[in-house]
């Protein structure tokens, strides 16, 4: 094959048919025996401090394996990734936080055995 032989030519994607017909398999399609489903509880407010999270009702639901709050995870800050250019970004993000900075900030996480109770 000649170098640059694809320039100015249509290239057929080998995965195109499966994608447009819905036959492609993605990570979200995988099912395994004993698989757990995760759910992140996110803040509904833009700024605040979470004083208490009562997880007792959620823990009693059948199939709930674990619920974590900001009290259960190490407070080790990290930086977000994926910047298109190099920059020194601050270590300012926690996995779960008590100090809410924006709507959608993660404050708790749950692992459940059945996908049906994930949104309860």
PDB file of N, CA and C in Angstrom:
ATOM      1  N   UNK A   1       0.844  -1.180   0.000  1.00  0.00           N
ATOM      2  CA  UNK A   1       0.000   0.000   0.000  1.00  0.00           C
ATOM      3  C   UNK A   1       0.887   1.241   0.000  1.00  0.00           C
ATOM      4  N   UNK A   2       0.558   2.145  -0.823  1.00  0.00           N
ATOM      5  CA  UNK A   2       1.337   3.367  -0.970  1.00  0.00           C
ATOM      6  C   UNK A   2       1.072   4.300   0.213  1.00  0.00           C
ATOM      7  N   UNK A   3       2.098   4.992   0.653  1.00  0.00           N
ATOM      8  CA  UNK A   3       1.960   5.946   1.746  1.00  0.00           C
ATOM      9  C   UNK A   3       0.961   7.029   1.339  1.00  0.00           C
ATOM     10  N   UNK A   4       0.078   7.393   2.238  1.00  0.00           N
ATOM     11  CA  UNK A   4      -0.958   8.413   2.022  1.00  0.00           C
ATOM     12  C   UNK A   4      -2.002   7.983   0.991  1.00  0.00           C
ATOM     13  N   UNK A   5      -2.211   6.699   0.809  1.00  0.00           N
ATOM     14  CA  UNK A   5      -3.170   6.236  -0.200  1.00  0.00           C
ATOM     15  C   UNK A   5      -4.626   6.493   0.205  1.00  0.00           C
ATOM     16  N   UNK A   6      -4.873   6.848   1.465  1.00  0.00           N
ATOM     17  CA  UNK A   6      -6.233   7.104   1.908  1.00  0.00           C
ATOM     18  C   UNK A   6      -6.646   8.558   1.723  1.00  0.00           C
ATOM     19  N   UNK A   7      -5.707   9.413   1.427  1.00  0.00           N
ATOM     20  CA  UNK A   7      -6.033  10.823   1.231  1.00  0.00           C
ATOM     21  C   UNK A   7      -6.925  10.964   0.004  1.00  0.00           C
ATOM     22  N   UNK A   8      -8.015  11.714   0.156  1.00  0.00           N
ATOM     23  CA  UNK A   8      -9.015  11.972  -0.881  1.00  0.00           C
ATOM     24  C   UNK A   8      -9.812  10.731  -1.282  1.00  0.00           C
ATOM     25  N   UNK A   9      -9.830   9.732  -0.432  1.00  0.00           N
ATOM     26  CA  UNK A   9     -10.620   8.531  -0.710  1.00  0.00           C
ATOM     27  C   UNK A   9     -11.527   8.250   0.489  1.00  0.00           C
ATOM     28  N   UNK A  10     -12.708   7.747   0.207  1.00  0.00           N
ATOM     29  CA  UNK A  10     -13.594   7.341   1.292  1.00  0.00           C
ATOM     30  C   UNK A  10     -13.030   6.079   1.929  1.00  0.00           C
ATOM     31  N   UNK A  11     -13.046   6.061   3.236  1.00  0.00           N
ATOM     32  CA  UNK A  11     -12.568   4.890   3.964  1.00  0.00           C
ATOM     33  C   UNK A  11     -13.769   4.286   4.689  1.00  0.00           C
ATOM     34  N   UNK A  12     -14.076   3.053   4.376  1.00  0.00           N
ATOM     35  CA  UNK A  12     -15.203   2.383   5.009  1.00  0.00           C
ATOM     36  C   UNK A  12     -14.807   1.966   6.419  1.00  0.00           C
ATOM     37  N   UNK A  13     -15.601   2.391   7.388  1.00  0.00           N
ATOM     38  CA  UNK A  13     -15.344   2.013   8.779  1.00  0.00           C
ATOM     39  C   UNK A  13     -15.854   0.595   9.006  1.00  0.00           C
ATOM     40  N   UNK A  14     -15.011  -0.236   9.579  1.00  0.00           N
ATOM     41  CA  UNK A  14     -15.403  -1.633   9.768  1.00  0.00           C
ATOM     42  C   UNK A  14     -16.486  -1.790  10.832  1.00  0.00           C
ATOM     43  N   UNK A  15     -16.657  -0.793  11.711  1.00  0.00           N
ATOM     44  CA  UNK A  15     -17.657  -0.887  12.767  1.00  0.00           C
ATOM     45  C   UNK A  15     -18.922  -0.086  12.454  1.00  0.00           C
ATOM     46  N   UNK A  16     -19.002   0.521  11.287  1.00  0.00           N
ATOM     47  CA  UNK A  16     -20.126   1.404  10.959  1.00  0.00           C
ATOM     48  C   UNK A  16     -21.469   0.674  10.971  1.00  0.00           C
ATOM     49  N   UNK A  17     -21.559  -0.483  10.334  1.00  0.00           N
ATOM     50  CA  UNK A  17     -22.831  -1.196  10.240  1.00  0.00           C
ATOM     51  C   UNK A  17     -23.366  -1.542  11.626  1.00  0.00           C
ATOM     52  N   UNK A  18     -22.500  -2.083  12.486  1.00  0.00           N
ATOM     53  CA  UNK A  18     -22.940  -2.455  13.835  1.00  0.00           C
ATOM     54  C   UNK A  18     -23.389  -1.241  14.635  1.00  0.00           C
ATOM     55  N   UNK A  19     -22.730  -0.117  14.459  1.00  0.00           N
ATOM     56  CA  UNK A  19     -23.113   1.089  15.200  1.00  0.00           C
ATOM     57  C   UNK A  19     -24.464   1.628  14.747  1.00  0.00           C
ATOM     58  N   UNK A  20     -24.671   1.751  13.455  1.00  0.00           N
ATOM     59  CA  UNK A  20     -25.921   2.351  12.976  1.00  0.00           C
ATOM     60  C   UNK A  20     -27.119   1.420  13.127  1.00  0.00           C
ATOM     61  N   UNK A  21     -26.889   0.129  13.276  1.00  0.00           N
ATOM     62  CA  UNK A  21     -27.998  -0.810  13.474  1.00  0.00           C
ATOM     63  C   UNK A  21     -28.215  -1.156  14.944  1.00  0.00           C
ATOM     64  N   UNK A  22     -27.404  -0.571  15.827  1.00  0.00           N
ATOM     65  CA  UNK A  22     -27.566  -0.820  17.259  1.00  0.00           C
ATOM     66  C   UNK A  22     -27.013  -2.145  17.728  1.00  0.00           C
ATOM     67  N   UNK A  23     -26.182  -2.794  16.934  1.00  0.00           N
ATOM     68  CA  UNK A  23     -25.637  -4.097  17.299  1.00  0.00           C
ATOM     69  C   UNK A  23     -24.308  -4.010  18.039  1.00  0.00           C
ATOM     70  N   UNK A  24     -23.699  -2.838  18.083  1.00  0.00           N
ATOM     71  CA  UNK A  24     -22.409  -2.696  18.775  1.00  0.00           C
ATOM     72  C   UNK A  24     -22.588  -2.929  20.265  1.00  0.00           C
ATOM     73  N   UNK A  25     -21.589  -3.485  20.880  1.00  0.00           N
ATOM     74  CA  UNK A  25     -21.597  -3.721  22.319  1.00  0.00           C
ATOM     75  C   UNK A  25     -20.669  -2.719  22.991  1.00  0.00           C
ATOM     76  N   UNK A  26     -21.162  -2.095  24.041  1.00  0.00           N
ATOM     77  CA  UNK A  26     -20.402  -1.105  24.786  1.00  0.00           C
ATOM     78  C   UNK A  26     -20.235  -1.585  26.223  1.00  0.00           C
ATOM     79  N   UNK A  27     -19.418  -0.905  26.989  1.00  0.00           N
ATOM     80  CA  UNK A  27     -19.171  -1.296  28.375  1.00  0.00           C
ATOM     81  C   UNK A  27     -20.479  -1.356  29.156  1.00  0.00           C
ATOM     82  N   UNK A  28     -21.371  -0.425  28.907  1.00  0.00           N
ATOM     83  CA  UNK A  28     -22.655  -0.413  29.596  1.00  0.00           C
ATOM     84  C   UNK A  28     -23.542  -1.603  29.278  1.00  0.00           C
ATOM     85  N   UNK A  29     -23.224  -2.329  28.220  1.00  0.00           N
ATOM     86  CA  UNK A  29     -23.994  -3.513  27.837  1.00  0.00           C
ATOM     87  C   UNK A  29     -23.519  -4.783  28.542  1.00  0.00           C
ATOM     88  N   UNK A  30     -22.367  -4.742  29.180  1.00  0.00           N
ATOM     89  CA  UNK A  30     -21.799  -5.937  29.807  1.00  0.00           C
ATOM     90  C   UNK A  30     -22.583  -6.330  31.048  1.00  0.00           C
ATOM     91  N   UNK A  31     -22.832  -7.591  31.190  1.00  0.00           N
ATOM     92  CA  UNK A  31     -23.482  -8.156  32.377  1.00  0.00           C
ATOM     93  C   UNK A  31     -22.640  -9.334  32.832  1.00  0.00           C
ATOM     94  N   UNK A  32     -22.307  -9.370  34.130  1.00  0.00           N
ATOM     95  CA  UNK A  32     -21.514 -10.465  34.680  1.00  0.00           C
ATOM     96  C   UNK A  32     -22.192 -11.004  35.930  1.00  0.00           C
ATOM     97  N   UNK A  33     -21.940 -12.253  36.227  1.00  0.00           N
ATOM     98  CA  UNK A  33     -22.486 -12.877  37.424  1.00  0.00           C
ATOM     99  C   UNK A  33     -21.929 -12.150  38.646  1.00  0.00           C
ATOM    100  N   UNK A  34     -22.808 -11.763  39.549  1.00  0.00           N
ATOM    101  CA  UNK A  34     -22.386 -11.081  40.767  1.00  0.00           C
ATOM    102  C   UNK A  34     -22.041  -9.614  40.578  1.00  0.00           C
ATOM    103  N   UNK A  35     -22.361  -9.074  39.428  1.00  0.00           N
ATOM    104  CA  UNK A  35     -22.013  -7.685  39.128  1.00  0.00           C
ATOM    105  C   UNK A  35     -22.773  -6.719  40.034  1.00  0.00           C
ATOM    106  N   UNK A  36     -22.089  -5.675  40.464  1.00  0.00           N
ATOM    107  CA  UNK A  36     -22.712  -4.617  41.250  1.00  0.00           C
ATOM    108  C   UNK A  36     -22.935  -3.403  40.358  1.00  0.00           C
ATOM    109  N   UNK A  37     -23.949  -2.638  40.696  1.00  0.00           N
ATOM    110  CA  UNK A  37     -24.256  -1.404  39.983  1.00  0.00           C
ATOM    111  C   UNK A  37     -23.949  -0.237  40.908  1.00  0.00           C
ATOM    112  N   UNK A  38     -23.459   0.829  40.347  1.00  0.00           N
ATOM    113  CA  UNK A  38     -23.104   1.989  41.149  1.00  0.00           C
ATOM    114  C   UNK A  38     -24.006   3.171  40.878  1.00  0.00           C
ATOM    115  N   UNK A  39     -24.171   3.975  41.894  1.00  0.00           N
ATOM    116  CA  UNK A  39     -24.949   5.205  41.782  1.00  0.00           C
ATOM    117  C   UNK A  39     -24.254   6.273  42.615  1.00  0.00           C
ATOM    118  N   UNK A  40     -24.077   7.443  42.027  1.00  0.00           N
ATOM    119  CA  UNK A  40     -23.493   8.574  42.736  1.00  0.00           C
ATOM    120  C   UNK A  40     -24.619   9.531  43.100  1.00  0.00           C
ATOM    121  N   UNK A  41     -24.700   9.896  44.373  1.00  0.00           N
ATOM    122  CA  UNK A  41     -25.647  10.920  44.815  1.00  0.00           C
ATOM    123  C   UNK A  41     -24.949  12.262  44.655  1.00  0.00           C
ATOM    124  N   UNK A  42     -25.585  13.150  43.915  1.00  0.00           N
ATOM    125  CA  UNK A  42     -24.970  14.441  43.609  1.00  0.00           C
ATOM    126  C   UNK A  42     -25.755  15.575  44.256  1.00  0.00           C
ATOM    127  N   UNK A  43     -25.054  16.642  44.550  1.00  0.00           N
ATOM    128  CA  UNK A  43     -25.653  17.787  45.217  1.00  0.00           C
ATOM    129  C   UNK A  43     -26.682  18.483  44.330  1.00  0.00           C
ATOM    130  N   UNK A  44     -27.847  18.820  44.903  1.00  0.00           N
ATOM    131  CA  UNK A  44     -28.840  19.575  44.140  1.00  0.00           C
ATOM    132  C   UNK A  44     -28.646  21.088  44.256  1.00  0.00           C
ATOM    133  N   UNK A  45     -27.684  21.518  45.073  1.00  0.00           N
ATOM    134  CA  UNK A  45     -27.443  22.957  45.267  1.00  0.00           C
ATOM    135  C   UNK A  45     -26.054  23.335  44.782  1.00  0.00           C
ATOM    136  N   UNK A  46     -25.885  24.621  44.499  1.00  0.00           N
ATOM    137  CA  UNK A  46     -24.630  25.098  43.918  1.00  0.00           C
ATOM    138  C   UNK A  46     -23.554  25.411  44.949  1.00  0.00           C
ATOM    139  N   UNK A  47     -23.924  25.662  46.175  1.00  0.00           N
ATOM    140  CA  UNK A  47     -22.910  25.987  47.177  1.00  0.00           C
ATOM    141  C   UNK A  47     -23.462  25.644  48.549  1.00  0.00           C
ATOM    142  N   UNK A  48     -22.655  24.977  49.367  1.00  0.00           N
ATOM    143  CA  UNK A  48     -23.110  24.658  50.706  1.00  0.00           C
ATOM    144  C   UNK A  48     -22.216  23.655  51.396  1.00  0.00           C
ATOM    145  N   UNK A  49     -22.618  23.306  52.610  1.00  0.00           N
ATOM    146  CA  UNK A  49     -21.904  22.307  53.406  1.00  0.00           C
ATOM    147  C   UNK A  49     -22.921  21.243  53.816  1.00  0.00           C
ATOM    148  N   UNK A  50     -22.601  19.988  53.546  1.00  0.00           N
ATOM    149  CA  UNK A  50     -23.466  18.878  53.941  1.00  0.00           C
ATOM    150  C   UNK A  50     -23.220  18.631  55.422  1.00  0.00           C
ATOM    151  N   UNK A  51     -24.254  18.813  56.223  1.00  0.00           N
ATOM    152  CA  UNK A  51     -24.100  18.628  57.667  1.00  0.00           C
ATOM    153  C   UNK A  51     -24.307  17.177  58.078  1.00  0.00           C
ATOM    154  N   UNK A  52     -25.217  16.473  57.374  1.00  0.00           N
ATOM    155  CA  UNK A  52     -25.512  15.091  57.741  1.00  0.00           C
ATOM    156  C   UNK A  52     -26.153  14.386  56.551  1.00  0.00           C
ATOM    157  N   UNK A  53     -25.806  13.124  56.371  1.00  0.00           N
ATOM    158  CA  UNK A  53     -26.469  12.277  55.380  1.00  0.00           C
ATOM    159  C   UNK A  53     -26.972  11.042  56.120  1.00  0.00           C
ATOM    160  N   UNK A  54     -28.288  10.853  56.132  1.00  0.00           N
ATOM    161  CA  UNK A  54     -28.882   9.690  56.787  1.00  0.00           C
ATOM    162  C   UNK A  54     -29.033   8.582  55.744  1.00  0.00           C
ATOM    163  N   UNK A  55     -28.194   7.571  55.865  1.00  0.00           N
ATOM    164  CA  UNK A  55     -28.215   6.476  54.889  1.00  0.00           C
ATOM    165  C   UNK A  55     -28.946   5.234  55.417  1.00  0.00           C
ATOM    166  N   UNK A  56     -29.558   5.330  56.596  1.00  0.00           N
ATOM    167  CA  UNK A  56     -30.166   4.153  57.232  1.00  0.00           C
ATOM    168  C   UNK A  56     -31.293   3.547  56.393  1.00  0.00           C
ATOM    169  N   UNK A  57     -32.151   4.369  55.807  1.00  0.00           N
ATOM    170  CA  UNK A  57     -33.253   3.847  54.989  1.00  0.00           C
ATOM    171  C   UNK A  57     -32.706   3.149  53.741  1.00  0.00           C
ATOM    172  N   UNK A  58     -31.727   3.739  53.117  1.00  0.00           N
ATOM    173  CA  UNK A  58     -31.139   3.146  51.911  1.00  0.00           C
ATOM    174  C   UNK A  58     -30.422   1.838  52.231  1.00  0.00           C
ATOM    175  N   UNK A  59     -29.785   1.754  53.387  1.00  0.00           N
ATOM    176  CA  UNK A  59     -29.069   0.532  53.773  1.00  0.00           C
ATOM    177  C   UNK A  59     -30.016  -0.644  53.976  1.00  0.00           C
ATOM    178  N   UNK A  60     -31.261  -0.366  54.311  1.00  0.00           N
ATOM    179  CA  UNK A  60     -32.241  -1.438  54.550  1.00  0.00           C
ATOM    180  C   UNK A  60     -32.862  -1.975  53.265  1.00  0.00           C
ATOM    181  N   UNK A  61     -32.645  -1.307  52.148  1.00  0.00           N
ATOM    182  CA  UNK A  61     -33.194  -1.799  50.885  1.00  0.00           C
ATOM    183  C   UNK A  61     -32.532  -3.122  50.512  1.00  0.00           C
ATOM    184  N   UNK A  62     -33.309  -4.095  50.021  1.00  0.00           N
ATOM    185  CA  UNK A  62     -32.703  -5.366  49.621  1.00  0.00           C
ATOM    186  C   UNK A  62     -31.753  -5.155  48.443  1.00  0.00           C
ATOM    187  N   UNK A  63     -30.600  -5.771  48.520  1.00  0.00           N
ATOM    188  CA  UNK A  63     -29.635  -5.672  47.431  1.00  0.00           C
ATOM    189  C   UNK A  63     -28.580  -4.601  47.609  1.00  0.00           C
ATOM    190  N   UNK A  64     -28.741  -3.736  48.609  1.00  0.00           N
ATOM    191  CA  UNK A  64     -27.731  -2.704  48.850  1.00  0.00           C
ATOM    192  C   UNK A  64     -26.519  -3.358  49.497  1.00  0.00           C
ATOM    193  N   UNK A  65     -25.372  -3.217  48.876  1.00  0.00           N
ATOM    194  CA  UNK A  65     -24.137  -3.824  49.373  1.00  0.00           C
ATOM    195  C   UNK A  65     -23.354  -2.829  50.213  1.00  0.00           C
ATOM    196  N   UNK A  66     -23.252  -1.600  49.738  1.00  0.00           N
ATOM    197  CA  UNK A  66     -22.463  -0.599  50.451  1.00  0.00           C
ATOM    198  C   UNK A  66     -22.905   0.805  50.069  1.00  0.00           C
ATOM    199  N   UNK A  67     -22.846   1.695  51.038  1.00  0.00           N
ATOM    200  CA  UNK A  67     -23.083   3.115  50.790  1.00  0.00           C
ATOM    201  C   UNK A  67     -21.933   3.876  51.431  1.00  0.00           C
ATOM    202  N   UNK A  68     -21.323   4.736  50.657  1.00  0.00           N
ATOM    203  CA  UNK A  68     -20.203   5.537  51.140  1.00  0.00           C
ATOM    204  C   UNK A  68     -20.573   7.011  51.110  1.00  0.00           C
ATOM    205  N   UNK A  69     -20.154   7.729  52.145  1.00  0.00           N
ATOM    206  CA  UNK A  69     -20.300   9.180  52.155  1.00  0.00           C
ATOM    207  C   UNK A  69     -18.911   9.790  52.268  1.00  0.00           C
ATOM    208  N   UNK A  70     -18.873  11.104  52.326  1.00  0.00           N
ATOM    209  CA  UNK A  70     -17.586  11.794  52.451  1.00  0.00           C
ATOM    210  C   UNK A  70     -16.829  11.379  53.710  1.00  0.00           C
ATOM    211  N   UNK A  71     -17.524  10.867  54.720  1.00  0.00           N
ATOM    212  CA  UNK A  71     -16.849  10.405  55.945  1.00  0.00           C
ATOM    213  C   UNK A  71     -16.111   9.083  55.742  1.00  0.00           C
ATOM    214  N   UNK A  72     -16.449   8.340  54.689  1.00  0.00           N
ATOM    215  CA  UNK A  72     -15.911   6.996  54.484  1.00  0.00           C
ATOM    216  C   UNK A  72     -14.732   6.912  53.529  1.00  0.00           C
ATOM    217  N   UNK A  73     -14.420   7.984  52.853  1.00  0.00           N
ATOM    218  CA  UNK A  73     -13.348   7.948  51.853  1.00  0.00           C
ATOM    219  C   UNK A  73     -12.207   8.869  52.277  1.00  0.00           C
ATOM    220  N   UNK A  74     -10.988   8.562  51.853  1.00  0.00           N
ATOM    221  CA  UNK A  74      -9.864   9.430  52.214  1.00  0.00           C
ATOM    222  C   UNK A  74      -9.990  10.798  51.544  1.00  0.00           C
ATOM    223  N   UNK A  75      -9.619  11.821  52.258  1.00  0.00           N
ATOM    224  CA  UNK A  75      -9.669  13.186  51.728  1.00  0.00           C
ATOM    225  C   UNK A  75      -8.359  13.511  51.015  1.00  0.00           C
ATOM    226  N   UNK A  76      -8.116  12.806  49.933  1.00  0.00           N
ATOM    227  CA  UNK A  76      -6.906  13.009  49.138  1.00  0.00           C
ATOM    228  C   UNK A  76      -7.304  13.766  47.873  1.00  0.00           C
ATOM    229  N   UNK A  77      -6.924  15.019  47.755  1.00  0.00           N
ATOM    230  CA  UNK A  77      -7.317  15.783  46.570  1.00  0.00           C
ATOM    231  C   UNK A  77      -6.574  15.327  45.323  1.00  0.00           C
ATOM    232  N   UNK A  78      -7.238  15.478  44.195  1.00  0.00           N
ATOM    233  CA  UNK A  78      -6.633  15.154  42.905  1.00  0.00           C
ATOM    234  C   UNK A  78      -7.034  16.231  41.911  1.00  0.00           C
ATOM    235  N   UNK A  79      -6.438  16.193  40.760  1.00  0.00           N
ATOM    236  CA  UNK A  79      -6.786  17.145  39.712  1.00  0.00           C
ATOM    237  C   UNK A  79      -7.545  16.433  38.605  1.00  0.00           C
ATOM    238  N   UNK A  80      -8.401  17.159  37.939  1.00  0.00           N
ATOM    239  CA  UNK A  80      -9.104  16.575  36.803  1.00  0.00           C
ATOM    240  C   UNK A  80      -8.142  16.482  35.631  1.00  0.00           C
ATOM    241  N   UNK A  81      -8.445  15.585  34.702  1.00  0.00           N
ATOM    242  CA  UNK A  81      -7.552  15.388  33.561  1.00  0.00           C
ATOM    243  C   UNK A  81      -8.294  15.640  32.266  1.00  0.00           C
ATOM    244  N   UNK A  82      -7.571  15.507  31.189  1.00  0.00           N
ATOM    245  CA  UNK A  82      -8.194  15.636  29.890  1.00  0.00           C
ATOM    246  C   UNK A  82      -8.071  17.007  29.270  1.00  0.00           C
ATOM    247  N   UNK A  83      -7.191  17.837  29.801  1.00  0.00           N
ATOM    248  CA  UNK A  83      -7.004  19.156  29.207  1.00  0.00           C
ATOM    249  C   UNK A  83      -6.303  19.014  27.860  1.00  0.00           C
ATOM    250  N   UNK A  84      -6.724  19.754  26.858  1.00  0.00           N
ATOM    251  CA  UNK A  84      -6.105  19.636  25.542  1.00  0.00           C
ATOM    252  C   UNK A  84      -4.731  20.291  25.454  1.00  0.00           C
ATOM    253  N   UNK A  85      -4.335  20.965  26.501  1.00  0.00           N
ATOM    254  CA  UNK A  85      -3.038  21.632  26.507  1.00  0.00           C
ATOM    255  C   UNK A  85      -2.421  21.444  27.888  1.00  0.00           C
ATOM    256  N   UNK A  86      -1.109  21.436  27.974  1.00  0.00           N
ATOM    257  CA  UNK A  86      -0.477  21.240  29.281  1.00  0.00           C
ATOM    258  C   UNK A  86      -0.702  22.444  30.189  1.00  0.00           C
ATOM    259  N   UNK A  87      -1.056  22.171  31.408  1.00  0.00           N
ATOM    260  CA  UNK A  87      -1.191  23.238  32.393  1.00  0.00           C
ATOM    261  C   UNK A  87      -1.031  22.640  33.780  1.00  0.00           C
ATOM    262  N   UNK A  88      -0.602  23.452  34.690  1.00  0.00           N
ATOM    263  CA  UNK A  88      -0.480  23.023  36.078  1.00  0.00           C
ATOM    264  C   UNK A  88      -1.812  23.278  36.759  1.00  0.00           C
ATOM    265  N   UNK A  89      -2.626  22.235  36.870  1.00  0.00           N
ATOM    266  CA  UNK A  89      -3.919  22.398  37.517  1.00  0.00           C
ATOM    267  C   UNK A  89      -3.788  22.066  38.994  1.00  0.00           C
ATOM    268  N   UNK A  90      -4.553  22.749  39.821  1.00  0.00           N
ATOM    269  CA  UNK A  90      -4.446  22.508  41.262  1.00  0.00           C
ATOM    270  C   UNK A  90      -5.082  21.180  41.663  1.00  0.00           C
ATOM    271  N   UNK A  91      -4.592  20.631  42.754  1.00  0.00           N
ATOM    272  CA  UNK A  91      -5.207  19.438  43.344  1.00  0.00           C
ATOM    273  C   UNK A  91      -6.382  19.937  44.178  1.00  0.00           C
ATOM    274  N   UNK A  92      -7.562  20.010  43.569  1.00  0.00           N
ATOM    275  CA  UNK A  92      -8.689  20.646  44.248  1.00  0.00           C
ATOM    276  C   UNK A  92      -9.992  19.846  44.195  1.00  0.00           C
ATOM    277  N   UNK A  93      -9.928  18.578  43.836  1.00  0.00           N
ATOM    278  CA  UNK A  93     -11.131  17.768  43.717  1.00  0.00           C
ATOM    279  C   UNK A  93     -11.036  16.565  44.647  1.00  0.00           C
ATOM    280  N   UNK A  94     -12.139  16.257  45.330  1.00  0.00           N
ATOM    281  CA  UNK A  94     -12.216  15.079  46.193  1.00  0.00           C
ATOM    282  C   UNK A  94     -13.221  14.096  45.597  1.00  0.00           C
ATOM    283  N   UNK A  95     -13.042  12.811  45.902  1.00  0.00           N
ATOM    284  CA  UNK A  95     -13.964  11.801  45.373  1.00  0.00           C
ATOM    285  C   UNK A  95     -15.388  12.082  45.850  1.00  0.00           C
ATOM    286  N   UNK A  96     -15.579  12.232  47.128  1.00  0.00           N
ATOM    287  CA  UNK A  96     -16.857  12.635  47.716  1.00  0.00           C
ATOM    288  C   UNK A  96     -16.559  13.802  48.643  1.00  0.00           C
ATOM    289  N   UNK A  97     -17.436  14.781  48.665  1.00  0.00           N
ATOM    290  CA  UNK A  97     -17.119  15.983  49.420  1.00  0.00           C
ATOM    291  C   UNK A  97     -18.262  16.444  50.312  1.00  0.00           C
ATOM    292  N   UNK A  98     -17.909  17.078  51.395  1.00  0.00           N
ATOM    293  CA  UNK A  98     -18.871  17.695  52.296  1.00  0.00           C
ATOM    294  C   UNK A  98     -19.077  19.160  51.915  1.00  0.00           C
ATOM    295  N   UNK A  99     -18.077  19.748  51.282  1.00  0.00           N
ATOM    296  CA  UNK A  99     -18.125  21.155  50.874  1.00  0.00           C
ATOM    297  C   UNK A  99     -18.546  21.230  49.409  1.00  0.00           C
ATOM    298  N   UNK A 100     -19.818  21.453  49.190  1.00  0.00           N
ATOM    299  CA  UNK A 100     -20.385  21.463  47.846  1.00  0.00           C
ATOM    300  C   UNK A 100     -20.031  22.767  47.148  1.00  0.00           C
ATOM    301  N   UNK A 101     -19.494  22.645  45.924  1.00  0.00           N
ATOM    302  CA  UNK A 101     -19.088  23.834  45.165  1.00  0.00           C
ATOM    303  C   UNK A 101     -19.963  24.079  43.947  1.00  0.00           C
ATOM    304  N   UNK A 102     -20.652  23.063  43.475  1.00  0.00           N
ATOM    305  CA  UNK A 102     -21.475  23.227  42.278  1.00  0.00           C
ATOM    306  C   UNK A 102     -22.589  22.185  42.271  1.00  0.00           C
ATOM    307  N   UNK A 103     -23.641  22.463  41.511  1.00  0.00           N
ATOM    308  CA  UNK A 103     -24.722  21.488  41.354  1.00  0.00           C
ATOM    309  C   UNK A 103     -24.134  20.250  40.677  1.00  0.00           C
ATOM    310  N   UNK A 104     -24.316  19.110  41.303  1.00  0.00           N
ATOM    311  CA  UNK A 104     -23.772  17.871  40.752  1.00  0.00           C
ATOM    312  C   UNK A 104     -22.502  17.400  41.433  1.00  0.00           C
ATOM    313  N   UNK A 105     -22.008  18.148  42.408  1.00  0.00           N
ATOM    314  CA  UNK A 105     -20.832  17.716  43.165  1.00  0.00           C
ATOM    315  C   UNK A 105     -21.166  16.385  43.850  1.00  0.00           C
ATOM    316  N   UNK A 106     -20.312  15.356  43.756  1.00  0.00           N
ATOM    317  CA  UNK A 106     -20.628  14.053  44.356  1.00  0.00           C
ATOM    318  C   UNK A 106     -20.510  14.089  45.880  1.00  0.00           C
ATOM    319  N   UNK A 107     -21.554  13.600  46.572  1.00  0.00           N
ATOM    320  CA  UNK A 107     -21.531  13.612  48.032  1.00  0.00           C
ATOM    321  C   UNK A 107     -21.689  12.218  48.647  1.00  0.00           C
ATOM    322  N   UNK A 108     -22.151  11.243  47.879  1.00  0.00           N
ATOM    323  CA  UNK A 108     -22.282   9.869  48.382  1.00  0.00           C
ATOM    324  C   UNK A 108     -22.273   8.908  47.191  1.00  0.00           C
ATOM    325  N   UNK A 109     -21.982   7.633  47.484  1.00  0.00           N
ATOM    326  CA  UNK A 109     -21.958   6.607  46.439  1.00  0.00           C
ATOM    327  C   UNK A 109     -22.566   5.325  46.994  1.00  0.00           C
ATOM    328  N   UNK A 110     -23.262   4.591  46.138  1.00  0.00           N
ATOM    329  CA  UNK A 110     -23.881   3.333  46.552  1.00  0.00           C
ATOM    330  C   UNK A 110     -23.505   2.226  45.580  1.00  0.00           C
ATOM    331  N   UNK A 111     -23.321   1.023  46.121  1.00  0.00           N
ATOM    332  CA  UNK A 111     -23.114  -0.185  45.318  1.00  0.00           C
ATOM    333  C   UNK A 111     -24.281  -1.111  45.620  1.00  0.00           C
ATOM    334  N   UNK A 112     -25.007  -1.499  44.570  1.00  0.00           N
ATOM    335  CA  UNK A 112     -26.196  -2.328  44.747  1.00  0.00           C
ATOM    336  C   UNK A 112     -26.124  -3.544  43.834  1.00  0.00           C
ATOM    337  N   UNK A 113     -26.815  -4.615  44.243  1.00  0.00           N
ATOM    338  CA  UNK A 113     -26.756  -5.865  43.488  1.00  0.00           C
ATOM    339  C   UNK A 113     -27.731  -5.903  42.323  1.00  0.00           C
ATOM    340  N   UNK A 114     -28.765  -5.082  42.343  1.00  0.00           N
ATOM    341  CA  UNK A 114     -29.762  -5.107  41.273  1.00  0.00           C
ATOM    342  C   UNK A 114     -29.919  -3.720  40.676  1.00  0.00           C
ATOM    343  N   UNK A 115     -29.898  -3.668  39.365  1.00  0.00           N
ATOM    344  CA  UNK A 115     -30.015  -2.380  38.677  1.00  0.00           C
ATOM    345  C   UNK A 115     -31.348  -1.705  38.974  1.00  0.00           C
ATOM    346  N   UNK A 116     -32.375  -2.481  39.296  1.00  0.00           N
ATOM    347  CA  UNK A 116     -33.705  -1.914  39.522  1.00  0.00           C
ATOM    348  C   UNK A 116     -33.770  -1.023  40.752  1.00  0.00           C
ATOM    349  N   UNK A 117     -32.933  -1.258  41.768  1.00  0.00           N
ATOM    350  CA  UNK A 117     -32.985  -0.401  42.958  1.00  0.00           C
ATOM    351  C   UNK A 117     -31.962   0.720  42.904  1.00  0.00           C
ATOM    352  N   UNK A 118     -31.209   0.794  41.830  1.00  0.00           N
ATOM    353  CA  UNK A 118     -30.160   1.803  41.739  1.00  0.00           C
ATOM    354  C   UNK A 118     -30.721   3.217  41.829  1.00  0.00           C
ATOM    355  N   UNK A 119     -31.912   3.450  41.338  1.00  0.00           N
ATOM    356  CA  UNK A 119     -32.480   4.794  41.340  1.00  0.00           C
ATOM    357  C   UNK A 119     -33.444   5.036  42.491  1.00  0.00           C
ATOM    358  N   UNK A 120     -33.524   4.120  43.435  1.00  0.00           N
ATOM    359  CA  UNK A 120     -34.424   4.284  44.588  1.00  0.00           C
ATOM    360  C   UNK A 120     -33.869   5.275  45.583  1.00  0.00           C
TER     361      UNK A 120
END
